Amino acid sequence: MKKLVLTFGLLAFIAAGVNAQVAEPQVGEVKIVNPNAPVMTFETEEVDYGTIEQNADGIRYFVFTNTGKEPLIISNAKGSCGCTVPTWPKEPIKPGEKSKIQVKYATDRIGVINKTITISSNASEPTKVIRIKGTVLAPKTSPVKETTGTPVQN
């Protein structure tokens, strides 16, 4: 009898937990969207550093405009690794106003750049991912000492 009561109690507990889950909109259901929400419209969502030398200037900018009807507030911006550090405006960006997100990449690292920056805001698209790419070259080294002037003849 105790096993039967425990089994039904466990089933009731599981059923209650399943019903408490927040359901995602199903096919045919409409998700409520604020028509006045801010909108981040970027001039470009990917910045190409191109081919740069090691320890070159790693700062680039992503310029955007708030094309929505309410002020845009960026709550966070995070690089995909510690080598990519974003800096974003802390004050609200008014509708129609331009602003920029600065990204500093650690160019002391040699190789291909392929990183993302994830932006969190109150925009209609609350999470936005932008990208940087490029290649950092090793410094040029020469095994032969270069000389200037005229060669010495014997």
C-alpha atoms as a PDB file:
ATOM      1  CA  MET A   1       0.000   0.000   0.000  1.00  0.00           C
ATOM      2  CA  LYS A   2       2.864   2.388   0.863  1.00  0.00           C
ATOM      3  CA  LYS A   3       4.464   1.744  -2.529  1.00  0.00           C
ATOM      4  CA  LEU A   4       1.191   2.526  -4.285  1.00  0.00           C
ATOM      5  CA  VAL A   5       0.738   5.814  -2.398  1.00  0.00           C
ATOM      6  CA  LEU A   6       4.376   6.796  -3.032  1.00  0.00           C
ATOM      7  CA  THR A   7       4.046   5.974  -6.732  1.00  0.00           C
ATOM      8  CA  PHE A   8       0.900   8.100  -7.126  1.00  0.00           C
ATOM      9  CA  GLY A   9       2.496  10.904  -5.097  1.00  0.00           C
ATOM     10  CA  LEU A  10       5.578  10.862  -7.331  1.00  0.00           C
ATOM     11  CA  LEU A  11       3.427  10.889 -10.485  1.00  0.00           C
ATOM     12  CA  ALA A  12       1.378  13.826  -9.156  1.00  0.00           C
ATOM     13  CA  PHE A  13       4.590  15.723  -8.348  1.00  0.00           C
ATOM     14  CA  ILE A  14       5.972  15.141 -11.863  1.00  0.00           C
ATOM     15  CA  ALA A  15       2.656  16.143 -13.483  1.00  0.00           C
ATOM     16  CA  ALA A  16       2.589  19.384 -11.475  1.00  0.00           C
ATOM     17  CA  GLY A  17       6.170  20.179 -12.528  1.00  0.00           C
ATOM     18  CA  VAL A  18       5.404  19.583 -16.202  1.00  0.00           C
ATOM     19  CA  ASN A  19       2.350  21.881 -16.060  1.00  0.00           C
ATOM     20  CA  ALA A  20       4.394  24.641 -14.426  1.00  0.00           C
ATOM     21  CA  GLN A  21       6.755  24.909 -17.403  1.00  0.00           C
ATOM     22  CA  VAL A  22       6.496  28.079 -19.508  1.00  0.00           C
ATOM     23  CA  ALA A  23       5.355  27.109 -22.960  1.00  0.00           C
ATOM     24  CA  GLU A  24       6.944  28.542 -26.107  1.00  0.00           C
ATOM     25  CA  PRO A  25       4.563  29.809 -28.788  1.00  0.00           C
ATOM     26  CA  GLN A  26       3.325  26.907 -30.902  1.00  0.00           C
ATOM     27  CA  VAL A  27       2.748  26.875 -34.644  1.00  0.00           C
ATOM     28  CA  GLY A  28      -0.148  29.189 -35.387  1.00  0.00           C
ATOM     29  CA  GLU A  29       0.232  31.161 -32.134  1.00  0.00           C
ATOM     30  CA  VAL A  30       1.364  34.764 -32.302  1.00  0.00           C
ATOM     31  CA  LYS A  31       4.066  36.152 -30.046  1.00  0.00           C
ATOM     32  CA  ILE A  32       3.177  39.631 -28.772  1.00  0.00           C
ATOM     33  CA  VAL A  33       5.612  42.227 -30.104  1.00  0.00           C
ATOM     34  CA  ASN A  34       5.891  45.872 -29.072  1.00  0.00           C
ATOM     35  CA  PRO A  35       5.412  47.838 -32.334  1.00  0.00           C
ATOM     36  CA  ASN A  36       7.203  50.845 -30.768  1.00  0.00           C
ATOM     37  CA  ALA A  37      10.241  48.871 -29.573  1.00  0.00           C
ATOM     38  CA  PRO A  38      13.715  50.212 -30.363  1.00  0.00           C
ATOM     39  CA  VAL A  39      15.481  48.660 -33.349  1.00  0.00           C
ATOM     40  CA  MET A  40      19.270  48.419 -33.750  1.00  0.00           C
ATOM     41  CA  THR A  41      20.089  48.918 -37.429  1.00  0.00           C
ATOM     42  CA  PHE A  42      23.815  48.426 -38.081  1.00  0.00           C
ATOM     43  CA  GLU A  43      25.724  49.923 -41.005  1.00  0.00           C
ATOM     44  CA  THR A  44      27.475  46.539 -41.092  1.00  0.00           C
ATOM     45  CA  GLU A  45      27.171  43.501 -38.818  1.00  0.00           C
ATOM     46  CA  GLU A  46      30.675  42.270 -39.695  1.00  0.00           C
ATOM     47  CA  VAL A  47      33.944  44.177 -39.535  1.00  0.00           C
ATOM     48  CA  ASP A  48      36.859  42.823 -41.556  1.00  0.00           C
ATOM     49  CA  TYR A  49      40.264  43.733 -40.127  1.00  0.00           C
ATOM     50  CA  GLY A  50      41.819  42.437 -43.317  1.00  0.00           C
ATOM     51  CA  THR A  51      45.439  41.325 -43.008  1.00  0.00           C
ATOM     52  CA  ILE A  52      47.208  43.235 -40.246  1.00  0.00           C
ATOM     53  CA  GLU A  53      50.603  43.046 -38.546  1.00  0.00           C
ATOM     54  CA  GLN A  54      51.014  41.658 -35.062  1.00  0.00           C
ATOM     55  CA  ASN A  55      50.449  44.355 -32.379  1.00  0.00           C
ATOM     56  CA  ALA A  56      48.656  46.640 -34.876  1.00  0.00           C
ATOM     57  CA  ASP A  57      45.763  48.835 -33.731  1.00  0.00           C
ATOM     58  CA  GLY A  58      42.987  46.399 -32.776  1.00  0.00           C
ATOM     59  CA  ILE A  59      40.192  48.954 -32.299  1.00  0.00           C
ATOM     60  CA  ARG A  60      37.253  48.972 -34.695  1.00  0.00           C
ATOM     61  CA  TYR A  61      33.709  50.392 -34.497  1.00  0.00           C
ATOM     62  CA  PHE A  62      30.239  49.112 -35.272  1.00  0.00           C
ATOM     63  CA  VAL A  63      27.996  52.076 -36.083  1.00  0.00           C
ATOM     64  CA  PHE A  64      24.249  51.674 -35.621  1.00  0.00           C
ATOM     65  CA  THR A  65      21.062  53.741 -35.576  1.00  0.00           C
ATOM     66  CA  ASN A  66      18.019  53.320 -33.362  1.00  0.00           C
ATOM     67  CA  THR A  67      15.344  53.059 -36.064  1.00  0.00           C
ATOM     68  CA  GLY A  68      12.596  52.243 -33.541  1.00  0.00           C
ATOM     69  CA  LYS A  69      10.189  54.558 -31.735  1.00  0.00           C
ATOM     70  CA  GLU A  70      11.471  54.183 -28.144  1.00  0.00           C
ATOM     71  CA  PRO A  71      14.907  54.795 -26.577  1.00  0.00           C
ATOM     72  CA  LEU A  72      17.371  51.930 -27.004  1.00  0.00           C
ATOM     73  CA  ILE A  73      19.188  50.705 -23.898  1.00  0.00           C
ATOM     74  CA  ILE A  74      22.118  48.319 -24.301  1.00  0.00           C
ATOM     75  CA  SER A  75      22.470  46.316 -21.108  1.00  0.00           C
ATOM     76  CA  ASN A  76      25.505  44.233 -22.063  1.00  0.00           C
ATOM     77  CA  ALA A  77      27.951  43.383 -24.831  1.00  0.00           C
ATOM     78  CA  LYS A  78      30.228  40.369 -24.531  1.00  0.00           C
ATOM     79  CA  GLY A  79      33.010  39.069 -26.754  1.00  0.00           C
ATOM     80  CA  SER A  80      33.247  35.372 -27.552  1.00  0.00           C
ATOM     81  CA  CYS A  81      36.620  35.261 -25.780  1.00  0.00           C
ATOM     82  CA  GLY A  82      38.832  37.449 -23.602  1.00  0.00           C
ATOM     83  CA  CYS A  83      40.750  38.698 -26.645  1.00  0.00           C
ATOM     84  CA  THR A  84      37.688  40.602 -27.914  1.00  0.00           C
ATOM     85  CA  VAL A  85      36.577  43.440 -25.638  1.00  0.00           C
ATOM     86  CA  PRO A  86      33.508  45.526 -26.553  1.00  0.00           C
ATOM     87  CA  THR A  87      32.652  48.951 -25.124  1.00  0.00           C
ATOM     88  CA  TRP A  88      29.081  50.167 -25.582  1.00  0.00           C
ATOM     89  CA  PRO A  89      27.155  53.363 -24.839  1.00  0.00           C
ATOM     90  CA  LYS A  90      25.695  53.348 -21.331  1.00  0.00           C
ATOM     91  CA  GLU A  91      23.146  56.124 -21.943  1.00  0.00           C
ATOM     92  CA  PRO A  92      19.880  55.507 -23.845  1.00  0.00           C
ATOM     93  CA  ILE A  93      20.034  56.063 -27.613  1.00  0.00           C
ATOM     94  CA  LYS A  94      17.021  58.103 -28.744  1.00  0.00           C
ATOM     95  CA  PRO A  95      14.971  57.147 -31.808  1.00  0.00           C
ATOM     96  CA  GLY A  96      16.774  58.248 -34.983  1.00  0.00           C
ATOM     97  CA  GLU A  97      20.068  58.705 -33.115  1.00  0.00           C
ATOM     98  CA  LYS A  98      23.346  57.071 -34.212  1.00  0.00           C
ATOM     99  CA  SER A  99      25.870  55.542 -31.847  1.00  0.00           C
ATOM    100  CA  LYS A 100      28.706  53.019 -31.951  1.00  0.00           C
ATOM    101  CA  ILE A 101      30.099  49.988 -30.215  1.00  0.00           C
ATOM    102  CA  GLN A 102      33.877  49.874 -29.945  1.00  0.00           C
ATOM    103  CA  VAL A 103      35.569  46.493 -30.232  1.00  0.00           C
ATOM    104  CA  LYS A 104      39.208  45.992 -29.282  1.00  0.00           C
ATOM    105  CA  TYR A 105      40.861  42.801 -30.486  1.00  0.00           C
ATOM    106  CA  ALA A 106      44.171  41.678 -28.945  1.00  0.00           C
ATOM    107  CA  THR A 107      46.381  41.792 -32.047  1.00  0.00           C
ATOM    108  CA  ASP A 108      49.295  40.225 -30.198  1.00  0.00           C
ATOM    109  CA  ARG A 109      47.746  36.871 -31.152  1.00  0.00           C
ATOM    110  CA  ILE A 110      48.935  35.590 -34.531  1.00  0.00           C
ATOM    111  CA  GLY A 111      46.478  33.860 -36.853  1.00  0.00           C
ATOM    112  CA  VAL A 112      42.935  34.072 -38.147  1.00  0.00           C
ATOM    113  CA  ILE A 113      40.416  36.338 -36.407  1.00  0.00           C
ATOM    114  CA  ASN A 114      36.861  35.010 -36.328  1.00  0.00           C
ATOM    115  CA  LYS A 115      35.074  36.280 -33.218  1.00  0.00           C
ATOM    116  CA  THR A 116      31.564  37.318 -32.208  1.00  0.00           C
ATOM    117  CA  ILE A 117      30.166  39.995 -29.934  1.00  0.00           C
ATOM    118  CA  THR A 118      26.747  39.333 -28.375  1.00  0.00           C
ATOM    119  CA  ILE A 119      24.713  42.444 -27.566  1.00  0.00           C
ATOM    120  CA  SER A 120      21.820  42.421 -25.083  1.00  0.00           C
ATOM    121  CA  SER A 121      19.310  45.271 -25.193  1.00  0.00           C
ATOM    122  CA  ASN A 122      15.658  46.256 -24.997  1.00  0.00           C
ATOM    123  CA  ALA A 123      15.420  46.213 -28.815  1.00  0.00           C
ATOM    124  CA  SER A 124      12.814  44.271 -30.762  1.00  0.00           C
ATOM    125  CA  GLU A 125      15.608  41.727 -31.268  1.00  0.00           C
ATOM    126  CA  PRO A 126      16.883  41.566 -27.658  1.00  0.00           C
ATOM    127  CA  THR A 127      20.017  39.558 -28.495  1.00  0.00           C
ATOM    128  CA  LYS A 128      22.102  40.579 -31.503  1.00  0.00           C
ATOM    129  CA  VAL A 129      25.345  38.950 -32.665  1.00  0.00           C
ATOM    130  CA  ILE A 130      27.931  40.929 -34.641  1.00  0.00           C
ATOM    131  CA  ARG A 131      31.258  39.595 -35.975  1.00  0.00           C
ATOM    132  CA  ILE A 132      34.873  40.515 -36.558  1.00  0.00           C
ATOM    133  CA  LYS A 133      37.223  38.688 -38.900  1.00  0.00           C
ATOM    134  CA  GLY A 134      40.677  39.038 -40.389  1.00  0.00           C
ATOM    135  CA  THR A 135      44.218  37.732 -40.074  1.00  0.00           C
ATOM    136  CA  VAL A 136      47.089  38.817 -37.826  1.00  0.00           C
ATOM    137  CA  LEU A 137      50.503  38.199 -39.429  1.00  0.00           C
ATOM    138  CA  ALA A 138      53.708  37.364 -37.595  1.00  0.00           C
ATOM    139  CA  PRO A 139      56.382  40.068 -37.759  1.00  0.00           C
ATOM    140  CA  LYS A 140      58.658  39.849 -40.757  1.00  0.00           C
ATOM    141  CA  THR A 141      62.026  38.335 -39.984  1.00  0.00           C
ATOM    142  CA  SER A 142      64.934  37.977 -42.339  1.00  0.00           C
ATOM    143  CA  PRO A 143      67.748  35.448 -41.930  1.00  0.00           C
ATOM    144  CA  VAL A 144      70.049  37.595 -44.059  1.00  0.00           C
ATOM    145  CA  LYS A 145      71.149  40.979 -42.809  1.00  0.00           C
ATOM    146  CA  GLU A 146      70.044  43.614 -45.243  1.00  0.00           C
ATOM    147  CA  THR A 147      72.686  46.200 -46.180  1.00  0.00           C
ATOM    148  CA  THR A 148      72.457  49.490 -47.905  1.00  0.00           C
ATOM    149  CA  GLY A 149      75.033  51.172 -50.044  1.00  0.00           C
ATOM    150  CA  THR A 150      77.437  49.750 -52.581  1.00  0.00           C
ATOM    151  CA  PRO A 151      78.864  46.270 -52.351  1.00  0.00           C
ATOM    152  CA  VAL A 152      82.529  45.887 -51.474  1.00  0.00           C
ATOM    153  CA  GLN A 153      84.693  44.524 -54.332  1.00  0.00           C
ATOM    154  CA  ASN A 154      88.108  42.901 -53.976  1.00  0.00           C
END
